[in-house]
Amino acid sequence: MLTGEVIVLSQRMLVVALMVLTPVIVAATVVGLVWALFQAVTQLQDSSASFAIKLVVVSIVLALSAEWIGGQIRHFGDEMFAEMLKSRRK
């Protein structure tokens, strides 16, 4: 496998990782912002509730998107191994 092919596969890997992690990061960010706004309005200063709420929301998002995440990772793996076999046959 040539250096250029390794770079392209690494770039694809990073794009897939970013794409797979985006729903979880967005959910955690939105919950954090909403909870911070709620704390500012009510003057509630409980920091542990923020972590508990984020944990629940991130778990729900992971459970709902697990099939899609697995499909994306499997598709990338299939492409990677096909590319490795194709370069090996050359």
PDB file of N, CA and C in Angstrom:
ATOM      1  N   MET A   1       0.840  -1.162   0.000  1.00  0.00           N
ATOM      2  CA  MET A   1       0.000   0.000   0.000  1.00  0.00           C
ATOM      3  C   MET A   1       0.894   1.236   0.000  1.00  0.00           C
ATOM      4  N   LEU A   2       0.623   2.140  -0.909  1.00  0.00           N
ATOM      5  CA  LEU A   2       1.432   3.346  -1.040  1.00  0.00           C
ATOM      6  C   LEU A   2       1.078   4.380   0.024  1.00  0.00           C
ATOM      7  N   THR A   3       1.994   5.311   0.214  1.00  0.00           N
ATOM      8  CA  THR A   3       1.789   6.344   1.221  1.00  0.00           C
ATOM      9  C   THR A   3       0.550   7.184   0.917  1.00  0.00           C
ATOM     10  N   GLY A   4       0.329   7.489  -0.341  1.00  0.00           N
ATOM     11  CA  GLY A   4      -0.842   8.274  -0.722  1.00  0.00           C
ATOM     12  C   GLY A   4      -2.144   7.574  -0.386  1.00  0.00           C
ATOM     13  N   GLU A   5      -2.178   6.254  -0.590  1.00  0.00           N
ATOM     14  CA  GLU A   5      -3.379   5.485  -0.262  1.00  0.00           C
ATOM     15  C   GLU A   5      -3.629   5.459   1.239  1.00  0.00           C
ATOM     16  N   VAL A   6      -2.564   5.365   2.015  1.00  0.00           N
ATOM     17  CA  VAL A   6      -2.690   5.377   3.471  1.00  0.00           C
ATOM     18  C   VAL A   6      -3.222   6.729   3.935  1.00  0.00           C
ATOM     19  N   ILE A   7      -2.750   7.802   3.329  1.00  0.00           N
ATOM     20  CA  ILE A   7      -3.218   9.137   3.690  1.00  0.00           C
ATOM     21  C   ILE A   7      -4.697   9.297   3.361  1.00  0.00           C
ATOM     22  N   VAL A   8      -5.122   8.812   2.196  1.00  0.00           N
ATOM     23  CA  VAL A   8      -6.533   8.907   1.807  1.00  0.00           C
ATOM     24  C   VAL A   8      -7.407   8.097   2.765  1.00  0.00           C
ATOM     25  N   LEU A   9      -6.975   6.880   3.109  1.00  0.00           N
ATOM     26  CA  LEU A   9      -7.743   6.059   4.047  1.00  0.00           C
ATOM     27  C   LEU A   9      -7.793   6.696   5.435  1.00  0.00           C
ATOM     28  N   SER A  10      -6.698   7.294   5.859  1.00  0.00           N
ATOM     29  CA  SER A  10      -6.683   7.976   7.160  1.00  0.00           C
ATOM     30  C   SER A  10      -7.625   9.173   7.157  1.00  0.00           C
ATOM     31  N   GLN A  11      -7.639   9.887   6.046  1.00  0.00           N
ATOM     32  CA  GLN A  11      -8.538  11.029   5.935  1.00  0.00           C
ATOM     33  C   GLN A  11      -9.998  10.564   5.984  1.00  0.00           C
ATOM     34  N   ARG A  12     -10.312   9.489   5.262  1.00  0.00           N
ATOM     35  CA  ARG A  12     -11.673   8.937   5.305  1.00  0.00           C
ATOM     36  C   ARG A  12     -12.037   8.476   6.709  1.00  0.00           C
ATOM     37  N   MET A  13     -11.068   7.877   7.414  1.00  0.00           N
ATOM     38  CA  MET A  13     -11.311   7.419   8.774  1.00  0.00           C
ATOM     39  C   MET A  13     -11.673   8.588   9.683  1.00  0.00           C
ATOM     40  N   LEU A  14     -10.969   9.690   9.561  1.00  0.00           N
ATOM     41  CA  LEU A  14     -11.251  10.855  10.389  1.00  0.00           C
ATOM     42  C   LEU A  14     -12.616  11.450  10.065  1.00  0.00           C
ATOM     43  N   VAL A  15     -12.994  11.447   8.791  1.00  0.00           N
ATOM     44  CA  VAL A  15     -14.311  11.960   8.397  1.00  0.00           C
ATOM     45  C   VAL A  15     -15.412  11.074   8.969  1.00  0.00           C
ATOM     46  N   VAL A  16     -15.232   9.762   8.896  1.00  0.00           N
ATOM     47  CA  VAL A  16     -16.229   8.832   9.447  1.00  0.00           C
ATOM     48  C   VAL A  16     -16.323   9.007  10.958  1.00  0.00           C
ATOM     49  N   ALA A  17     -15.188   9.154  11.636  1.00  0.00           N
ATOM     50  CA  ALA A  17     -15.208   9.343  13.090  1.00  0.00           C
ATOM     51  C   ALA A  17     -15.936  10.630  13.460  1.00  0.00           C
ATOM     52  N   LEU A  18     -15.683  11.691  12.733  1.00  0.00           N
ATOM     53  CA  LEU A  18     -16.363  12.950  12.989  1.00  0.00           C
ATOM     54  C   LEU A  18     -17.860  12.839  12.725  1.00  0.00           C
ATOM     55  N   MET A  19     -18.219  12.159  11.648  1.00  0.00           N
ATOM     56  CA  MET A  19     -19.620  11.992  11.288  1.00  0.00           C
ATOM     57  C   MET A  19     -20.355  11.144  12.337  1.00  0.00           C
ATOM     58  N   VAL A  20     -19.699  10.118  12.844  1.00  0.00           N
ATOM     59  CA  VAL A  20     -20.321   9.218  13.816  1.00  0.00           C
ATOM     60  C   VAL A  20     -20.464   9.904  15.184  1.00  0.00           C
ATOM     61  N   LEU A  21     -19.510  10.742  15.552  1.00  0.00           N
ATOM     62  CA  LEU A  21     -19.544  11.389  16.860  1.00  0.00           C
ATOM     63  C   LEU A  21     -20.401  12.644  16.905  1.00  0.00           C
ATOM     64  N   THR A  22     -20.742  13.201  15.751  1.00  0.00           N
ATOM     65  CA  THR A  22     -21.471  14.462  15.708  1.00  0.00           C
ATOM     66  C   THR A  22     -22.803  14.419  16.456  1.00  0.00           C
ATOM     67  N   PRO A  23     -23.660  13.406  16.285  1.00  0.00           N
ATOM     68  CA  PRO A  23     -24.931  13.434  17.027  1.00  0.00           C
ATOM     69  C   PRO A  23     -24.748  13.462  18.545  1.00  0.00           C
ATOM     70  N   VAL A  24     -23.773  12.742  19.044  1.00  0.00           N
ATOM     71  CA  VAL A  24     -23.536  12.703  20.490  1.00  0.00           C
ATOM     72  C   VAL A  24     -23.017  14.053  20.981  1.00  0.00           C
ATOM     73  N   ILE A  25     -22.079  14.635  20.246  1.00  0.00           N
ATOM     74  CA  ILE A  25     -21.511  15.919  20.647  1.00  0.00           C
ATOM     75  C   ILE A  25     -22.563  17.016  20.591  1.00  0.00           C
ATOM     76  N   VAL A  26     -23.382  17.016  19.550  1.00  0.00           N
ATOM     77  CA  VAL A  26     -24.429  18.034  19.431  1.00  0.00           C
ATOM     78  C   VAL A  26     -25.438  17.889  20.566  1.00  0.00           C
ATOM     79  N   ALA A  27     -25.846  16.660  20.867  1.00  0.00           N
ATOM     80  CA  ALA A  27     -26.808  16.446  21.953  1.00  0.00           C
ATOM     81  C   ALA A  27     -26.248  16.922  23.286  1.00  0.00           C
ATOM     82  N   ALA A  28     -25.009  16.580  23.583  1.00  0.00           N
ATOM     83  CA  ALA A  28     -24.399  16.996  24.847  1.00  0.00           C
ATOM     84  C   ALA A  28     -24.258  18.513  24.913  1.00  0.00           C
ATOM     85  N   THR A  29     -23.907  19.135  23.804  1.00  0.00           N
ATOM     86  CA  THR A  29     -23.752  20.591  23.775  1.00  0.00           C
ATOM     87  C   THR A  29     -25.089  21.293  23.979  1.00  0.00           C
ATOM     88  N   VAL A  30     -26.118  20.825  23.284  1.00  0.00           N
ATOM     89  CA  VAL A  30     -27.439  21.446  23.416  1.00  0.00           C
ATOM     90  C   VAL A  30     -27.966  21.294  24.841  1.00  0.00           C
ATOM     91  N   VAL A  31     -27.836  20.107  25.412  1.00  0.00           N
ATOM     92  CA  VAL A  31     -28.293  19.894  26.784  1.00  0.00           C
ATOM     93  C   VAL A  31     -27.501  20.765  27.750  1.00  0.00           C
ATOM     94  N   GLY A  32     -26.209  20.873  27.551  1.00  0.00           N
ATOM     95  CA  GLY A  32     -25.383  21.714  28.413  1.00  0.00           C
ATOM     96  C   GLY A  32     -25.783  23.178  28.343  1.00  0.00           C
ATOM     97  N   LEU A  33     -26.053  23.665  27.133  1.00  0.00           N
ATOM     98  CA  LEU A  33     -26.461  25.059  26.986  1.00  0.00           C
ATOM     99  C   LEU A  33     -27.836  25.313  27.603  1.00  0.00           C
ATOM    100  N   VAL A  34     -28.775  24.395  27.359  1.00  0.00           N
ATOM    101  CA  VAL A  34     -30.116  24.557  27.929  1.00  0.00           C
ATOM    102  C   VAL A  34     -30.051  24.502  29.451  1.00  0.00           C
ATOM    103  N   TRP A  35     -29.273  23.584  29.993  1.00  0.00           N
ATOM    104  CA  TRP A  35     -29.163  23.469  31.444  1.00  0.00           C
ATOM    105  C   TRP A  35     -28.473  24.699  32.036  1.00  0.00           C
ATOM    106  N   ALA A  36     -27.470  25.226  31.361  1.00  0.00           N
ATOM    107  CA  ALA A  36     -26.800  26.446  31.841  1.00  0.00           C
ATOM    108  C   ALA A  36     -27.765  27.622  31.834  1.00  0.00           C
ATOM    109  N   LEU A  37     -28.582  27.727  30.804  1.00  0.00           N
ATOM    110  CA  LEU A  37     -29.586  28.788  30.746  1.00  0.00           C
ATOM    111  C   LEU A  37     -30.599  28.623  31.882  1.00  0.00           C
ATOM    112  N   PHE A  38     -31.040  27.391  32.117  1.00  0.00           N
ATOM    113  CA  PHE A  38     -31.971  27.112  33.210  1.00  0.00           C
ATOM    114  C   PHE A  38     -31.349  27.482  34.555  1.00  0.00           C
ATOM    115  N   GLN A  39     -30.082  27.147  34.756  1.00  0.00           N
ATOM    116  CA  GLN A  39     -29.406  27.481  36.010  1.00  0.00           C
ATOM    117  C   GLN A  39     -29.265  28.988  36.172  1.00  0.00           C
ATOM    118  N   ALA A  40     -29.000  29.695  35.073  1.00  0.00           N
ATOM    119  CA  ALA A  40     -28.865  31.150  35.156  1.00  0.00           C
ATOM    120  C   ALA A  40     -30.201  31.806  35.496  1.00  0.00           C
ATOM    121  N   VAL A  41     -31.278  31.298  34.920  1.00  0.00           N
ATOM    122  CA  VAL A  41     -32.592  31.886  35.167  1.00  0.00           C
ATOM    123  C   VAL A  41     -33.068  31.603  36.588  1.00  0.00           C
ATOM    124  N   THR A  42     -32.862  30.369  37.059  1.00  0.00           N
ATOM    125  CA  THR A  42     -33.361  29.989  38.385  1.00  0.00           C
ATOM    126  C   THR A  42     -32.326  30.197  39.488  1.00  0.00           C
ATOM    127  N   GLN A  43     -31.134  30.588  39.153  1.00  0.00           N
ATOM    128  CA  GLN A  43     -30.015  30.753  40.088  1.00  0.00           C
ATOM    129  C   GLN A  43     -29.729  29.465  40.864  1.00  0.00           C
ATOM    130  N   LEU A  44     -29.920  28.340  40.194  1.00  0.00           N
ATOM    131  CA  LEU A  44     -29.628  27.033  40.765  1.00  0.00           C
ATOM    132  C   LEU A  44     -28.147  26.737  40.524  1.00  0.00           C
ATOM    133  N   GLN A  45     -27.421  26.335  41.558  1.00  0.00           N
ATOM    134  CA  GLN A  45     -25.985  26.121  41.432  1.00  0.00           C
ATOM    135  C   GLN A  45     -25.595  24.668  41.692  1.00  0.00           C
ATOM    136  N   ASP A  46     -26.306  23.736  41.087  1.00  0.00           N
ATOM    137  CA  ASP A  46     -26.008  22.318  41.272  1.00  0.00           C
ATOM    138  C   ASP A  46     -25.247  21.814  40.043  1.00  0.00           C
ATOM    139  N   SER A  47     -23.974  21.518  40.201  1.00  0.00           N
ATOM    140  CA  SER A  47     -23.168  21.095  39.048  1.00  0.00           C
ATOM    141  C   SER A  47     -23.337  19.611  38.725  1.00  0.00           C
ATOM    142  N   SER A  48     -23.717  18.808  39.692  1.00  0.00           N
ATOM    143  CA  SER A  48     -23.835  17.369  39.440  1.00  0.00           C
ATOM    144  C   SER A  48     -25.058  17.033  38.593  1.00  0.00           C
ATOM    145  N   ALA A  49     -26.100  17.844  38.667  1.00  0.00           N
ATOM    146  CA  ALA A  49     -27.304  17.592  37.865  1.00  0.00           C
ATOM    147  C   ALA A  49     -26.992  17.721  36.381  1.00  0.00           C
ATOM    148  N   SER A  50     -26.117  18.628  36.024  1.00  0.00           N
ATOM    149  CA  SER A  50     -25.741  18.811  34.627  1.00  0.00           C
ATOM    150  C   SER A  50     -25.121  17.537  34.055  1.00  0.00           C
ATOM    151  N   PHE A  51     -24.238  16.911  34.807  1.00  0.00           N
ATOM    152  CA  PHE A  51     -23.597  15.684  34.339  1.00  0.00           C
ATOM    153  C   PHE A  51     -24.594  14.537  34.225  1.00  0.00           C
ATOM    154  N   ALA A  52     -25.503  14.452  35.180  1.00  0.00           N
ATOM    155  CA  ALA A  52     -26.494  13.376  35.153  1.00  0.00           C
ATOM    156  C   ALA A  52     -27.425  13.522  33.955  1.00  0.00           C
ATOM    157  N   ILE A  53     -27.874  14.737  33.695  1.00  0.00           N
ATOM    158  CA  ILE A  53     -28.763  14.965  32.561  1.00  0.00           C
ATOM    159  C   ILE A  53     -28.040  14.696  31.247  1.00  0.00           C
ATOM    160  N   LYS A  54     -26.799  15.163  31.125  1.00  0.00           N
ATOM    161  CA  LYS A  54     -26.020  14.896  29.909  1.00  0.00           C
ATOM    162  C   LYS A  54     -25.805  13.403  29.711  1.00  0.00           C
ATOM    163  N   LEU A  55     -25.529  12.692  30.787  1.00  0.00           N
ATOM    164  CA  LEU A  55     -25.313  11.249  30.698  1.00  0.00           C
ATOM    165  C   LEU A  55     -26.551  10.534  30.177  1.00  0.00           C
ATOM    166  N   VAL A  56     -27.710  10.923  30.683  1.00  0.00           N
ATOM    167  CA  VAL A  56     -28.960  10.303  30.240  1.00  0.00           C
ATOM    168  C   VAL A  56     -29.220  10.610  28.771  1.00  0.00           C
ATOM    169  N   VAL A  57     -29.063  11.870  28.382  1.00  0.00           N
ATOM    170  CA  VAL A  57     -29.339  12.268  26.996  1.00  0.00           C
ATOM    171  C   VAL A  57     -28.347  11.620  26.033  1.00  0.00           C
ATOM    172  N   VAL A  58     -27.083  11.598  26.381  1.00  0.00           N
ATOM    173  CA  VAL A  58     -26.079  10.977  25.513  1.00  0.00           C
ATOM    174  C   VAL A  58     -26.337   9.473  25.399  1.00  0.00           C
ATOM    175  N   SER A  59     -26.751   8.835  26.480  1.00  0.00           N
ATOM    176  CA  SER A  59     -27.075   7.409  26.418  1.00  0.00           C
ATOM    177  C   SER A  59     -28.259   7.150  25.494  1.00  0.00           C
ATOM    178  N   ILE A  60     -29.269   8.005  25.574  1.00  0.00           N
ATOM    179  CA  ILE A  60     -30.432   7.858  24.693  1.00  0.00           C
ATOM    180  C   ILE A  60     -30.031   8.063  23.235  1.00  0.00           C
ATOM    181  N   VAL A  61     -29.230   9.091  22.968  1.00  0.00           N
ATOM    182  CA  VAL A  61     -28.783   9.351  21.589  1.00  0.00           C
ATOM    183  C   VAL A  61     -27.959   8.180  21.065  1.00  0.00           C
ATOM    184  N   LEU A  62     -27.072   7.645  21.886  1.00  0.00           N
ATOM    185  CA  LEU A  62     -26.275   6.487  21.465  1.00  0.00           C
ATOM    186  C   LEU A  62     -27.158   5.273  21.194  1.00  0.00           C
ATOM    187  N   ALA A  63     -28.157   5.060  22.033  1.00  0.00           N
ATOM    188  CA  ALA A  63     -29.044   3.916  21.833  1.00  0.00           C
ATOM    189  C   ALA A  63     -29.856   4.066  20.550  1.00  0.00           C
ATOM    190  N   LEU A  64     -30.318   5.278  20.276  1.00  0.00           N
ATOM    191  CA  LEU A  64     -31.125   5.505  19.081  1.00  0.00           C
ATOM    192  C   LEU A  64     -30.307   5.467  17.792  1.00  0.00           C
ATOM    193  N   SER A  65     -29.052   5.880  17.875  1.00  0.00           N
ATOM    194  CA  SER A  65     -28.240   5.945  16.657  1.00  0.00           C
ATOM    195  C   SER A  65     -27.229   4.805  16.551  1.00  0.00           C
ATOM    196  N   ALA A  66     -27.319   3.811  17.403  1.00  0.00           N
ATOM    197  CA  ALA A  66     -26.334   2.723  17.405  1.00  0.00           C
ATOM    198  C   ALA A  66     -26.315   1.959  16.086  1.00  0.00           C
ATOM    199  N   GLU A  67     -27.480   1.700  15.522  1.00  0.00           N
ATOM    200  CA  GLU A  67     -27.535   0.950  14.260  1.00  0.00           C
ATOM    201  C   GLU A  67     -26.871   1.744  13.131  1.00  0.00           C
ATOM    202  N   TRP A  68     -27.150   3.037  13.080  1.00  0.00           N
ATOM    203  CA  TRP A  68     -26.557   3.885  12.050  1.00  0.00           C
ATOM    204  C   TRP A  68     -25.034   3.982  12.242  1.00  0.00           C
ATOM    205  N   ILE A  69     -24.598   4.152  13.489  1.00  0.00           N
ATOM    206  CA  ILE A  69     -23.165   4.251  13.779  1.00  0.00           C
ATOM    207  C   ILE A  69     -22.458   2.960  13.376  1.00  0.00           C
ATOM    208  N   GLY A  70     -23.032   1.820  13.750  1.00  0.00           N
ATOM    209  CA  GLY A  70     -22.445   0.539  13.374  1.00  0.00           C
ATOM    210  C   GLY A  70     -22.386   0.347  11.873  1.00  0.00           C
ATOM    211  N   GLY A  71     -23.432   0.770  11.174  1.00  0.00           N
ATOM    212  CA  GLY A  71     -23.452   0.671   9.715  1.00  0.00           C
ATOM    213  C   GLY A  71     -22.374   1.520   9.062  1.00  0.00           C
ATOM    214  N   GLN A  72     -22.181   2.726   9.588  1.00  0.00           N
ATOM    215  CA  GLN A  72     -21.150   3.600   9.038  1.00  0.00           C
ATOM    216  C   GLN A  72     -19.749   3.022   9.248  1.00  0.00           C
ATOM    217  N   ILE A  73     -19.510   2.494  10.434  1.00  0.00           N
ATOM    218  CA  ILE A  73     -18.199   1.918  10.729  1.00  0.00           C
ATOM    219  C   ILE A  73     -17.966   0.657   9.892  1.00  0.00           C
ATOM    220  N   ARG A  74     -19.007  -0.163   9.757  1.00  0.00           N
ATOM    221  CA  ARG A  74     -18.872  -1.382   8.940  1.00  0.00           C
ATOM    222  C   ARG A  74     -18.632  -1.027   7.482  1.00  0.00           C
ATOM    223  N   HIS A  75     -19.353  -0.031   6.978  1.00  0.00           N
ATOM    224  CA  HIS A  75     -19.170   0.388   5.586  1.00  0.00           C
ATOM    225  C   HIS A  75     -17.734   0.886   5.369  1.00  0.00           C
ATOM    226  N   PHE A  76     -17.219   1.658   6.313  1.00  0.00           N
ATOM    227  CA  PHE A  76     -15.840   2.129   6.198  1.00  0.00           C
ATOM    228  C   PHE A  76     -14.863   0.954   6.225  1.00  0.00           C
ATOM    229  N   GLY A  77     -15.101  -0.013   7.108  1.00  0.00           N
ATOM    230  CA  GLY A  77     -14.227  -1.184   7.176  1.00  0.00           C
ATOM    231  C   GLY A  77     -14.240  -1.983   5.889  1.00  0.00           C
ATOM    232  N   ASP A  78     -15.444  -2.163   5.315  1.00  0.00           N
ATOM    233  CA  ASP A  78     -15.541  -2.872   4.034  1.00  0.00           C
ATOM    234  C   ASP A  78     -14.767  -2.144   2.943  1.00  0.00           C
ATOM    235  N   GLU A  79     -14.919  -0.812   2.892  1.00  0.00           N
ATOM    236  CA  GLU A  79     -14.180  -0.026   1.895  1.00  0.00           C
ATOM    237  C   GLU A  79     -12.671  -0.129   2.109  1.00  0.00           C
ATOM    238  N   MET A  80     -12.258  -0.077   3.361  1.00  0.00           N
ATOM    239  CA  MET A  80     -10.831  -0.120   3.668  1.00  0.00           C
ATOM    240  C   MET A  80     -10.219  -1.455   3.250  1.00  0.00           C
ATOM    241  N   PHE A  81     -10.888  -2.555   3.604  1.00  0.00           N
ATOM    242  CA  PHE A  81     -10.343  -3.863   3.244  1.00  0.00           C
ATOM    243  C   PHE A  81     -10.394  -4.103   1.739  1.00  0.00           C
ATOM    244  N   ALA A  82     -11.433  -3.608   1.077  1.00  0.00           N
ATOM    245  CA  ALA A  82     -11.494  -3.727  -0.379  1.00  0.00           C
ATOM    246  C   ALA A  82     -10.360  -2.942  -1.040  1.00  0.00           C
ATOM    247  N   GLU A  83     -10.071  -1.774  -0.511  1.00  0.00           N
ATOM    248  CA  GLU A  83      -8.982  -0.953  -1.029  1.00  0.00           C
ATOM    249  C   GLU A  83      -7.631  -1.638  -0.778  1.00  0.00           C
ATOM    250  N   MET A  84      -7.492  -2.265   0.387  1.00  0.00           N
ATOM    251  CA  MET A  84      -6.236  -2.969   0.680  1.00  0.00           C
ATOM    252  C   MET A  84      -6.061  -4.167  -0.249  1.00  0.00           C
ATOM    253  N   LEU A  85      -7.128  -4.908  -0.519  1.00  0.00           N
ATOM    254  CA  LEU A  85      -7.037  -6.053  -1.422  1.00  0.00           C
ATOM    255  C   LEU A  85      -6.733  -5.598  -2.839  1.00  0.00           C
ATOM    256  N   LYS A  86      -7.355  -4.502  -3.258  1.00  0.00           N
ATOM    257  CA  LYS A  86      -7.117  -3.991  -4.606  1.00  0.00           C
ATOM    258  C   LYS A  86      -5.673  -3.540  -4.771  1.00  0.00           C
ATOM    259  N   SER A  87      -5.114  -2.880  -3.752  1.00  0.00           N
ATOM    260  CA  SER A  87      -3.730  -2.420  -3.858  1.00  0.00           C
ATOM    261  C   SER A  87      -2.752  -3.592  -3.765  1.00  0.00           C
ATOM    262  N   ARG A  88      -3.148  -4.661  -3.082  1.00  0.00           N
ATOM    263  CA  ARG A  88      -2.277  -5.837  -2.954  1.00  0.00           C
ATOM    264  C   ARG A  88      -2.181  -6.598  -4.278  1.00  0.00           C
ATOM    265  N   ARG A  89      -3.257  -6.586  -5.063  1.00  0.00           N
ATOM    266  CA  ARG A  89      -3.280  -7.299  -6.338  1.00  0.00           C
ATOM    267  C   ARG A  89      -2.485  -6.596  -7.422  1.00  0.00           C
ATOM    268  N   LYS A  90      -2.157  -5.330  -7.214  1.00  0.00           N
ATOM    269  CA  LYS A  90      -1.425  -4.591  -8.253  1.00  0.00           C
ATOM    270  C   LYS A  90       0.003  -5.048  -8.393  1.00  0.00           C
TER     271      LYS A  90
END
